Amino acid sequence: MSYKRQTIRLVIERHGELRRRGRTVACTVVDLSETGVRVRAGSAFTVGEELQLTCHLAKNRLLECTVEVTHATASSFGARITDISPEHLTQLKQFIDDLIAMNFPTA
């Protein structure tokens, strides 16, 4: 079996919101990487479904993006980030870099 993930996935447990078909659903972003997320929500989602995700990563760091569900269970799903603005991508990368630096100090 080959290892497919090419970016590090970090556990963050942050509250967020999903929007689909004009409705908003509260969720928890369980973990994330620069290319995807794992989300826990009270609603069921189907593979291939596109959703708008908003999540406050940290003070003054907001993630807003479009995600596509790649796998789903009754209580959570994994999704690939399919659309993100350059500004939000920069904030996401900085957030990930900061988390890595805090958890894995080099000196």
N, C-alpha and C. Protein backbone atom coordinates (compact mmCIF):
# COMPACT_ATOMS: atom_id res chain seq x y z
N MET A 1 0.85 -1.18 0.00
CA MET A 1 0.00 0.00 0.00
C MET A 1 0.89 1.24 0.00
N SER A 2 0.61 2.19 -0.87
CA SER A 2 1.42 3.40 -0.94
C SER A 2 0.78 4.51 -0.11
N TYR A 3 1.61 5.40 0.36
CA TYR A 3 1.15 6.54 1.14
C TYR A 3 0.82 7.68 0.19
N LYS A 4 -0.42 8.14 0.16
CA LYS A 4 -0.87 9.12 -0.82
C LYS A 4 -0.73 10.57 -0.37
N ARG A 5 -0.85 10.83 0.93
CA ARG A 5 -0.86 12.21 1.40
C ARG A 5 0.50 12.85 1.20
N GLN A 6 0.52 14.05 0.60
CA GLN A 6 1.77 14.72 0.31
C GLN A 6 2.00 15.95 1.19
N THR A 7 1.01 16.33 1.99
CA THR A 7 1.16 17.45 2.89
C THR A 7 0.83 17.00 4.30
N ILE A 8 1.44 17.65 5.28
CA ILE A 8 1.22 17.29 6.68
C ILE A 8 -0.19 17.73 7.10
N ARG A 9 -0.86 16.88 7.86
CA ARG A 9 -2.20 17.18 8.35
C ARG A 9 -2.09 17.40 9.85
N LEU A 10 -2.60 18.54 10.33
CA LEU A 10 -2.49 18.93 11.73
C LEU A 10 -3.85 18.96 12.40
N VAL A 11 -3.93 18.39 13.60
CA VAL A 11 -5.17 18.42 14.39
C VAL A 11 -5.35 19.83 14.93
N ILE A 12 -6.54 20.42 14.70
CA ILE A 12 -6.78 21.79 15.18
C ILE A 12 -8.06 21.94 16.00
N GLU A 13 -9.09 21.13 15.75
CA GLU A 13 -10.36 21.19 16.50
C GLU A 13 -10.88 22.63 16.62
N ARG A 14 -11.23 23.24 15.51
CA ARG A 14 -11.76 24.61 15.48
C ARG A 14 -13.20 24.60 14.99
N HIS A 15 -14.01 25.48 15.59
CA HIS A 15 -15.40 25.61 15.15
C HIS A 15 -15.45 26.31 13.80
N GLY A 16 -16.41 25.90 12.99
CA GLY A 16 -16.57 26.50 11.68
C GLY A 16 -18.01 26.43 11.22
N GLU A 17 -18.22 26.84 9.99
CA GLU A 17 -19.54 26.79 9.37
C GLU A 17 -19.41 26.27 7.95
N LEU A 18 -20.38 25.47 7.56
CA LEU A 18 -20.47 24.98 6.19
C LEU A 18 -21.73 25.56 5.57
N ARG A 19 -21.64 25.96 4.32
CA ARG A 19 -22.81 26.45 3.60
C ARG A 19 -23.04 25.56 2.38
N ARG A 20 -24.28 25.15 2.25
CA ARG A 20 -24.68 24.39 1.06
C ARG A 20 -26.13 24.69 0.77
N ARG A 21 -26.40 24.90 -0.50
CA ARG A 21 -27.77 25.18 -0.95
C ARG A 21 -28.46 26.25 -0.10
N GLY A 22 -27.73 27.30 0.26
CA GLY A 22 -28.30 28.41 1.00
C GLY A 22 -28.48 28.18 2.49
N ARG A 23 -28.08 27.04 3.00
CA ARG A 23 -28.23 26.74 4.43
C ARG A 23 -26.86 26.68 5.08
N THR A 24 -26.80 27.07 6.35
CA THR A 24 -25.56 27.04 7.11
C THR A 24 -25.64 25.96 8.18
N VAL A 25 -24.56 25.18 8.29
CA VAL A 25 -24.48 24.10 9.26
C VAL A 25 -23.22 24.31 10.10
N ALA A 26 -23.36 24.27 11.43
CA ALA A 26 -22.20 24.36 12.31
C ALA A 26 -21.36 23.10 12.17
N CYS A 27 -20.05 23.25 12.32
CA CYS A 27 -19.16 22.10 12.20
C CYS A 27 -17.93 22.31 13.06
N THR A 28 -17.12 21.27 13.15
CA THR A 28 -15.80 21.35 13.77
C THR A 28 -14.79 20.88 12.75
N VAL A 29 -13.80 21.73 12.48
CA VAL A 29 -12.70 21.32 11.61
C VAL A 29 -11.74 20.54 12.50
N VAL A 30 -11.68 19.24 12.29
CA VAL A 30 -10.89 18.34 13.14
C VAL A 30 -9.41 18.48 12.83
N ASP A 31 -9.07 18.42 11.55
CA ASP A 31 -7.69 18.61 11.15
C ASP A 31 -7.65 19.22 9.76
N LEU A 32 -6.45 19.70 9.40
CA LEU A 32 -6.32 20.32 8.09
C LEU A 32 -4.90 20.24 7.58
N SER A 33 -4.78 20.48 6.30
CA SER A 33 -3.48 20.63 5.64
C SER A 33 -3.65 21.78 4.64
N GLU A 34 -2.64 22.04 3.85
CA GLU A 34 -2.76 23.09 2.84
C GLU A 34 -3.73 22.70 1.72
N THR A 35 -4.06 21.43 1.63
CA THR A 35 -4.89 20.97 0.51
C THR A 35 -6.21 20.34 0.92
N GLY A 36 -6.45 20.13 2.22
CA GLY A 36 -7.68 19.47 2.61
C GLY A 36 -8.00 19.59 4.08
N VAL A 37 -9.19 19.10 4.45
CA VAL A 37 -9.69 19.17 5.82
C VAL A 37 -10.44 17.89 6.17
N ARG A 38 -10.52 17.64 7.48
CA ARG A 38 -11.45 16.63 7.98
C ARG A 38 -12.40 17.38 8.89
N VAL A 39 -13.70 17.18 8.68
CA VAL A 39 -14.73 17.96 9.35
C VAL A 39 -15.73 17.04 10.02
N ARG A 40 -16.14 17.43 11.23
CA ARG A 40 -17.21 16.74 11.95
C ARG A 40 -18.43 17.67 11.92
N ALA A 41 -19.57 17.13 11.53
CA ALA A 41 -20.79 17.94 11.43
C ALA A 41 -22.00 17.10 11.78
N GLY A 42 -23.08 17.77 12.16
CA GLY A 42 -24.30 17.07 12.54
C GLY A 42 -25.15 16.65 11.36
N SER A 43 -24.72 16.96 10.16
CA SER A 43 -25.47 16.60 8.95
C SER A 43 -24.66 15.61 8.13
N ALA A 44 -25.35 14.87 7.28
CA ALA A 44 -24.67 13.94 6.38
C ALA A 44 -24.29 14.66 5.08
N PHE A 45 -23.15 14.29 4.55
CA PHE A 45 -22.67 14.86 3.29
C PHE A 45 -22.31 13.72 2.36
N THR A 46 -22.36 13.98 1.07
CA THR A 46 -22.08 12.92 0.09
C THR A 46 -20.80 13.23 -0.68
N VAL A 47 -20.14 12.17 -1.09
CA VAL A 47 -18.92 12.30 -1.88
C VAL A 47 -19.23 13.08 -3.15
N GLY A 48 -18.38 14.04 -3.46
CA GLY A 48 -18.57 14.88 -4.64
C GLY A 48 -19.28 16.19 -4.36
N GLU A 49 -19.90 16.31 -3.20
CA GLU A 49 -20.63 17.53 -2.86
C GLU A 49 -19.65 18.68 -2.62
N GLU A 50 -20.00 19.87 -3.14
CA GLU A 50 -19.18 21.06 -2.91
C GLU A 50 -19.82 21.92 -1.83
N LEU A 51 -18.98 22.41 -0.91
CA LEU A 51 -19.43 23.18 0.23
C LEU A 51 -18.55 24.41 0.40
N GLN A 52 -19.12 25.45 1.00
CA GLN A 52 -18.33 26.62 1.38
C GLN A 52 -17.99 26.47 2.85
N LEU A 53 -16.71 26.53 3.18
CA LEU A 53 -16.25 26.36 4.56
C LEU A 53 -15.67 27.67 5.07
N THR A 54 -16.08 28.05 6.29
CA THR A 54 -15.51 29.19 6.99
C THR A 54 -15.06 28.70 8.35
N CYS A 55 -13.82 29.06 8.74
CA CYS A 55 -13.28 28.62 10.02
C CYS A 55 -12.30 29.66 10.53
N HIS A 56 -12.46 30.07 11.79
CA HIS A 56 -11.50 30.98 12.41
C HIS A 56 -10.33 30.14 12.91
N LEU A 57 -9.19 30.26 12.24
CA LEU A 57 -8.01 29.48 12.60
C LEU A 57 -7.38 30.02 13.87
N ALA A 58 -7.27 31.33 13.96
CA ALA A 58 -6.68 32.01 15.10
C ALA A 58 -7.13 33.46 15.02
N LYS A 59 -6.77 34.25 16.02
CA LYS A 59 -7.13 35.66 16.00
C LYS A 59 -6.60 36.28 14.71
N ASN A 60 -7.47 36.94 13.98
CA ASN A 60 -7.12 37.61 12.72
C ASN A 60 -6.69 36.65 11.61
N ARG A 61 -7.00 35.36 11.73
CA ARG A 61 -6.71 34.39 10.66
C ARG A 61 -7.98 33.60 10.37
N LEU A 62 -8.53 33.87 9.22
CA LEU A 62 -9.79 33.25 8.81
C LEU A 62 -9.54 32.38 7.59
N LEU A 63 -10.14 31.22 7.60
CA LEU A 63 -10.10 30.34 6.43
C LEU A 63 -11.48 30.37 5.78
N GLU A 64 -11.53 30.78 4.53
CA GLU A 64 -12.75 30.70 3.72
C GLU A 64 -12.35 30.03 2.43
N CYS A 65 -13.05 28.94 2.11
CA CYS A 65 -12.69 28.21 0.90
C CYS A 65 -13.87 27.34 0.46
N THR A 66 -13.74 26.81 -0.74
CA THR A 66 -14.68 25.82 -1.26
C THR A 66 -14.00 24.47 -1.12
N VAL A 67 -14.74 23.49 -0.62
CA VAL A 67 -14.20 22.14 -0.48
C VAL A 67 -15.10 21.15 -1.20
N GLU A 68 -14.50 20.05 -1.63
CA GLU A 68 -15.26 18.96 -2.25
C GLU A 68 -15.09 17.72 -1.39
N VAL A 69 -16.21 17.14 -0.96
CA VAL A 69 -16.18 15.95 -0.11
C VAL A 69 -15.56 14.80 -0.89
N THR A 70 -14.52 14.18 -0.30
CA THR A 70 -13.84 13.06 -0.96
C THR A 70 -14.17 11.72 -0.31
N HIS A 71 -14.54 11.73 0.97
CA HIS A 71 -15.04 10.53 1.64
C HIS A 71 -15.88 10.98 2.83
N ALA A 72 -16.86 10.16 3.19
CA ALA A 72 -17.80 10.57 4.23
C ALA A 72 -18.23 9.38 5.07
N THR A 73 -18.45 9.66 6.37
CA THR A 73 -19.08 8.70 7.28
C THR A 73 -20.33 9.39 7.83
N ALA A 74 -21.02 8.75 8.75
CA ALA A 74 -22.24 9.33 9.29
C ALA A 74 -21.97 10.63 10.05
N SER A 75 -20.78 10.77 10.66
CA SER A 75 -20.53 11.93 11.51
C SER A 75 -19.41 12.85 11.03
N SER A 76 -18.67 12.46 10.01
CA SER A 76 -17.57 13.31 9.56
C SER A 76 -17.28 13.08 8.08
N PHE A 77 -16.46 13.95 7.53
CA PHE A 77 -16.04 13.77 6.14
C PHE A 77 -14.67 14.38 5.91
N GLY A 78 -14.01 13.88 4.90
CA GLY A 78 -12.76 14.47 4.43
C GLY A 78 -13.05 15.21 3.15
N ALA A 79 -12.33 16.30 2.93
CA ALA A 79 -12.59 17.10 1.74
C ALA A 79 -11.30 17.73 1.22
N ARG A 80 -11.28 17.93 -0.07
CA ARG A 80 -10.17 18.58 -0.76
C ARG A 80 -10.54 20.05 -0.95
N ILE A 81 -9.60 20.95 -0.68
CA ILE A 81 -9.82 22.37 -0.95
C ILE A 81 -9.74 22.57 -2.45
N THR A 82 -10.83 23.06 -3.04
CA THR A 82 -10.87 23.23 -4.49
C THR A 82 -10.77 24.69 -4.92
N ASP A 83 -11.09 25.61 -4.02
CA ASP A 83 -11.00 27.03 -4.36
C ASP A 83 -10.71 27.82 -3.09
N ILE A 84 -9.65 28.63 -3.15
CA ILE A 84 -9.27 29.46 -2.01
C ILE A 84 -8.56 30.69 -2.56
N SER A 85 -8.86 31.84 -1.97
CA SER A 85 -8.22 33.08 -2.44
C SER A 85 -6.75 33.08 -2.04
N PRO A 86 -5.92 33.82 -2.76
CA PRO A 86 -4.51 33.91 -2.38
C PRO A 86 -4.33 34.40 -0.94
N GLU A 87 -5.17 35.34 -0.50
CA GLU A 87 -5.08 35.87 0.86
C GLU A 87 -5.35 34.77 1.89
N HIS A 88 -6.41 33.99 1.69
CA HIS A 88 -6.75 32.94 2.65
C HIS A 88 -5.73 31.80 2.60
N LEU A 89 -5.18 31.52 1.42
CA LEU A 89 -4.14 30.50 1.32
C LEU A 89 -2.90 30.93 2.10
N THR A 90 -2.54 32.19 2.01
CA THR A 90 -1.40 32.70 2.77
C THR A 90 -1.66 32.58 4.26
N GLN A 91 -2.87 32.93 4.72
CA GLN A 91 -3.21 32.81 6.13
C GLN A 91 -3.16 31.35 6.58
N LEU A 92 -3.64 30.44 5.75
CA LEU A 92 -3.61 29.02 6.07
C LEU A 92 -2.17 28.53 6.21
N LYS A 93 -1.32 28.88 5.26
CA LYS A 93 0.08 28.46 5.30
C LYS A 93 0.79 29.02 6.53
N GLN A 94 0.53 30.29 6.87
CA GLN A 94 1.14 30.89 8.05
C GLN A 94 0.66 30.21 9.32
N PHE A 95 -0.62 29.89 9.39
CA PHE A 95 -1.17 29.19 10.55
C PHE A 95 -0.51 27.83 10.72
N ILE A 96 -0.37 27.08 9.64
CA ILE A 96 0.27 25.76 9.70
C ILE A 96 1.73 25.90 10.12
N ASP A 97 2.45 26.86 9.53
CA ASP A 97 3.85 27.09 9.91
C ASP A 97 3.98 27.43 11.38
N ASP A 98 3.08 28.29 11.89
CA ASP A 98 3.11 28.66 13.31
C ASP A 98 2.85 27.45 14.21
N LEU A 99 1.87 26.62 13.84
CA LEU A 99 1.58 25.41 14.64
C LEU A 99 2.77 24.46 14.68
N ILE A 100 3.40 24.27 13.54
CA ILE A 100 4.56 23.38 13.49
C ILE A 100 5.69 23.95 14.34
N ALA A 101 5.93 25.25 14.25
CA ALA A 101 7.00 25.88 15.03
C ALA A 101 6.74 25.77 16.53
N MET A 102 5.48 25.90 16.96
CA MET A 102 5.14 25.80 18.38
C MET A 102 5.29 24.37 18.89
N ASN A 103 4.94 23.40 18.07
CA ASN A 103 4.94 22.01 18.51
C ASN A 103 6.25 21.28 18.27
N PHE A 104 7.06 21.79 17.37
CA PHE A 104 8.33 21.15 17.06
C PHE A 104 9.45 22.19 17.01
N PRO A 105 9.78 22.78 18.18
CA PRO A 105 10.83 23.81 18.18
C PRO A 105 12.16 23.23 17.71
N THR A 106 12.92 24.05 17.01
CA THR A 106 14.19 23.57 16.45
C THR A 106 15.37 23.86 17.36
N ALA A 107 15.24 24.74 18.31
CA ALA A 107 16.38 25.04 19.20
C ALA A 107 15.94 25.14 20.63
